[in-house]
């Protein structure tokens, strides 16, 4: 292939200019109107209608109610 190491190294160094790229974190958005119905293994039932919850809020509600927090 006749590749000259020095020339290749120079070309790669010129092409690989380091750059910093920042990604902004997405804001949590609400899920809108949701009906949550949970049946526990012990026979307890929970049914609530909520709006504006994020997924993290939904997880916290369900874990807190079921006692898994």
N, C-alpha and C. Protein backbone atom coordinates (compact mmCIF):
# COMPACT_ATOMS: atom_id res chain seq x y z
N UNK A 1 0.81 -1.19 0.00
CA UNK A 1 0.00 0.00 0.00
C UNK A 1 0.86 1.26 0.00
N UNK A 2 2.08 1.17 0.34
CA UNK A 2 3.02 2.29 0.32
C UNK A 2 2.51 3.49 1.12
N UNK A 3 2.22 3.27 2.37
CA UNK A 3 1.75 4.33 3.26
C UNK A 3 2.94 4.85 4.05
N UNK A 4 3.18 6.15 3.94
CA UNK A 4 4.25 6.78 4.69
C UNK A 4 3.72 7.16 6.07
N UNK A 5 4.31 6.61 7.10
CA UNK A 5 3.84 6.83 8.47
C UNK A 5 3.84 8.31 8.84
N UNK A 6 4.87 9.02 8.52
CA UNK A 6 4.97 10.44 8.86
C UNK A 6 3.89 11.28 8.22
N UNK A 7 3.64 11.04 6.94
CA UNK A 7 2.59 11.78 6.22
C UNK A 7 1.21 11.44 6.77
N UNK A 8 0.99 10.16 7.04
CA UNK A 8 -0.30 9.73 7.59
C UNK A 8 -0.54 10.37 8.96
N UNK A 9 0.48 10.39 9.79
CA UNK A 9 0.36 10.98 11.13
C UNK A 9 0.06 12.47 11.03
N UNK A 10 0.70 13.16 10.12
CA UNK A 10 0.47 14.60 9.94
C UNK A 10 -0.96 14.86 9.47
N UNK A 11 -1.45 14.06 8.52
CA UNK A 11 -2.82 14.23 8.02
C UNK A 11 -3.85 13.96 9.11
N UNK A 12 -3.62 12.91 9.90
CA UNK A 12 -4.56 12.60 10.97
C UNK A 12 -4.57 13.68 12.04
N UNK A 13 -3.42 14.22 12.37
CA UNK A 13 -3.35 15.28 13.37
C UNK A 13 -4.08 16.53 12.90
N UNK A 14 -3.98 16.85 11.63
CA UNK A 14 -4.65 18.03 11.08
C UNK A 14 -6.16 17.82 11.01
N UNK A 15 -6.60 16.60 10.76
CA UNK A 15 -8.03 16.31 10.62
C UNK A 15 -8.72 16.15 11.95
N UNK A 16 -8.00 15.75 12.98
CA UNK A 16 -8.61 15.46 14.27
C UNK A 16 -8.46 16.65 15.21
N UNK A 17 -9.19 17.71 14.94
CA UNK A 17 -9.17 18.88 15.80
C UNK A 17 -10.14 18.61 16.96
N UNK A 18 -9.64 18.63 18.20
CA UNK A 18 -10.54 18.36 19.32
C UNK A 18 -11.59 19.45 19.46
N UNK A 19 -12.77 19.06 19.83
CA UNK A 19 -13.87 20.01 20.01
C UNK A 19 -14.70 19.58 21.20
N UNK A 20 -15.29 20.55 21.86
CA UNK A 20 -16.17 20.29 22.99
C UNK A 20 -17.60 20.48 22.52
N UNK A 21 -18.42 19.48 22.75
CA UNK A 21 -19.82 19.56 22.37
C UNK A 21 -20.65 19.35 23.62
N UNK A 22 -21.54 20.29 23.92
CA UNK A 22 -22.39 20.19 25.10
C UNK A 22 -23.80 19.83 24.67
N UNK A 23 -24.36 18.84 25.32
CA UNK A 23 -25.74 18.44 25.08
C UNK A 23 -26.57 18.88 26.26
N UNK A 24 -27.55 19.69 26.02
CA UNK A 24 -28.42 20.14 27.10
C UNK A 24 -29.39 19.02 27.46
N UNK A 25 -29.57 18.82 28.75
CA UNK A 25 -30.50 17.79 29.20
C UNK A 25 -31.92 18.22 28.89
N UNK A 26 -32.70 17.28 28.45
CA UNK A 26 -34.10 17.57 28.14
C UNK A 26 -34.87 17.79 29.44
N UNK A 27 -35.77 18.72 29.41
CA UNK A 27 -36.60 18.97 30.58
C UNK A 27 -37.65 17.88 30.68
N UNK A 28 -37.91 17.42 31.89
CA UNK A 28 -38.96 16.40 32.02
C UNK A 28 -40.31 16.99 31.65
N UNK A 29 -41.02 16.26 30.85
CA UNK A 29 -42.35 16.71 30.46
C UNK A 29 -43.39 15.86 31.13
N UNK A 30 -44.54 16.44 31.37
CA UNK A 30 -45.62 15.70 32.01
C UNK A 30 -46.25 14.71 31.06
N UNK A 31 -46.86 13.71 31.63
CA UNK A 31 -47.47 12.66 30.83
C UNK A 31 -48.88 13.01 30.38
N UNK A 32 -49.43 14.13 30.84
CA UNK A 32 -50.81 14.46 30.52
C UNK A 32 -51.73 13.75 31.50
N UNK A 33 -52.97 13.57 31.11
CA UNK A 33 -53.93 12.91 31.99
C UNK A 33 -53.70 11.40 31.96
N UNK A 34 -53.54 10.83 33.14
CA UNK A 34 -53.30 9.38 33.26
C UNK A 34 -54.23 8.80 34.31
N UNK A 35 -54.67 7.60 34.08
CA UNK A 35 -55.39 6.85 35.09
C UNK A 35 -54.48 5.72 35.51
N UNK A 36 -54.17 5.68 36.79
CA UNK A 36 -53.26 4.66 37.32
C UNK A 36 -54.09 3.69 38.15
N UNK A 37 -54.04 2.44 37.77
CA UNK A 37 -54.75 1.40 38.51
C UNK A 37 -53.74 0.34 38.92
N UNK A 38 -53.63 0.10 40.22
CA UNK A 38 -52.65 -0.85 40.73
C UNK A 38 -53.37 -1.84 41.64
N UNK A 39 -53.11 -3.11 41.42
CA UNK A 39 -53.59 -4.18 42.30
C UNK A 39 -52.38 -4.80 42.97
N UNK A 40 -52.38 -4.85 44.29
CA UNK A 40 -51.26 -5.44 45.00
C UNK A 40 -51.50 -6.94 45.18
N UNK A 41 -50.45 -7.69 45.42
CA UNK A 41 -50.61 -9.12 45.67
C UNK A 41 -51.47 -9.41 46.90
N UNK A 42 -51.56 -8.46 47.84
CA UNK A 42 -52.37 -8.64 49.05
C UNK A 42 -53.84 -8.29 48.84
N UNK A 43 -54.20 -7.91 47.62
CA UNK A 43 -55.59 -7.61 47.31
C UNK A 43 -55.96 -6.14 47.44
N UNK A 44 -55.01 -5.29 47.77
CA UNK A 44 -55.30 -3.86 47.85
C UNK A 44 -55.37 -3.28 46.45
N UNK A 45 -56.24 -2.30 46.27
CA UNK A 45 -56.40 -1.66 44.97
C UNK A 45 -56.25 -0.17 45.09
N UNK A 46 -55.65 0.42 44.07
CA UNK A 46 -55.49 1.86 44.01
C UNK A 46 -55.82 2.29 42.59
N UNK A 47 -56.69 3.30 42.48
CA UNK A 47 -57.01 3.86 41.17
C UNK A 47 -57.09 5.37 41.35
N UNK A 48 -56.20 6.08 40.66
CA UNK A 48 -56.20 7.54 40.73
C UNK A 48 -56.08 8.12 39.33
N UNK A 49 -56.61 9.31 39.17
CA UNK A 49 -56.48 10.02 37.91
C UNK A 49 -55.65 11.26 38.18
N UNK A 50 -54.56 11.40 37.45
CA UNK A 50 -53.64 12.51 37.66
C UNK A 50 -53.27 13.13 36.32
N UNK A 51 -52.68 14.32 36.38
CA UNK A 51 -52.17 14.95 35.17
C UNK A 51 -50.88 15.67 35.51
N UNK A 52 -49.99 15.77 34.53
CA UNK A 52 -48.76 16.51 34.69
C UNK A 52 -47.64 15.77 35.39
N UNK A 53 -47.81 14.48 35.66
CA UNK A 53 -46.73 13.72 36.28
C UNK A 53 -45.62 13.44 35.28
N UNK A 54 -44.40 13.39 35.77
CA UNK A 54 -43.30 12.91 34.95
C UNK A 54 -43.16 11.42 35.20
N UNK A 55 -42.36 10.75 34.40
CA UNK A 55 -42.16 9.32 34.59
C UNK A 55 -41.54 9.05 35.96
N UNK A 56 -40.62 9.90 36.39
CA UNK A 56 -40.00 9.74 37.71
C UNK A 56 -41.04 9.86 38.82
N UNK A 57 -41.97 10.81 38.68
CA UNK A 57 -43.05 10.96 39.66
C UNK A 57 -43.93 9.71 39.69
N UNK A 58 -44.24 9.19 38.53
CA UNK A 58 -45.07 8.00 38.44
C UNK A 58 -44.41 6.81 39.12
N UNK A 59 -43.12 6.65 38.91
CA UNK A 59 -42.38 5.56 39.57
C UNK A 59 -42.42 5.75 41.08
N UNK A 60 -42.20 6.98 41.55
CA UNK A 60 -42.20 7.25 43.00
C UNK A 60 -43.57 6.96 43.61
N UNK A 61 -44.64 7.34 42.93
CA UNK A 61 -45.99 7.09 43.44
C UNK A 61 -46.26 5.60 43.55
N UNK A 62 -45.95 4.87 42.51
CA UNK A 62 -46.25 3.44 42.52
C UNK A 62 -45.37 2.67 43.51
N UNK A 63 -44.10 3.04 43.62
CA UNK A 63 -43.23 2.37 44.58
C UNK A 63 -43.63 2.72 46.01
N UNK A 64 -43.97 3.96 46.25
CA UNK A 64 -44.37 4.38 47.58
C UNK A 64 -45.64 3.67 48.04
N UNK A 65 -46.59 3.52 47.14
CA UNK A 65 -47.85 2.87 47.50
C UNK A 65 -47.65 1.38 47.74
N UNK A 66 -46.81 0.76 46.94
CA UNK A 66 -46.62 -0.68 47.08
C UNK A 66 -45.63 -1.04 48.18
N UNK A 67 -44.94 -0.03 48.75
CA UNK A 67 -44.00 -0.30 49.83
C UNK A 67 -42.65 -0.75 49.35
N UNK A 68 -42.30 -0.51 48.09
CA UNK A 68 -41.01 -0.95 47.54
C UNK A 68 -39.99 0.17 47.54
N UNK A 69 -40.30 1.31 48.10
CA UNK A 69 -39.36 2.45 48.06
C UNK A 69 -38.10 2.20 48.83
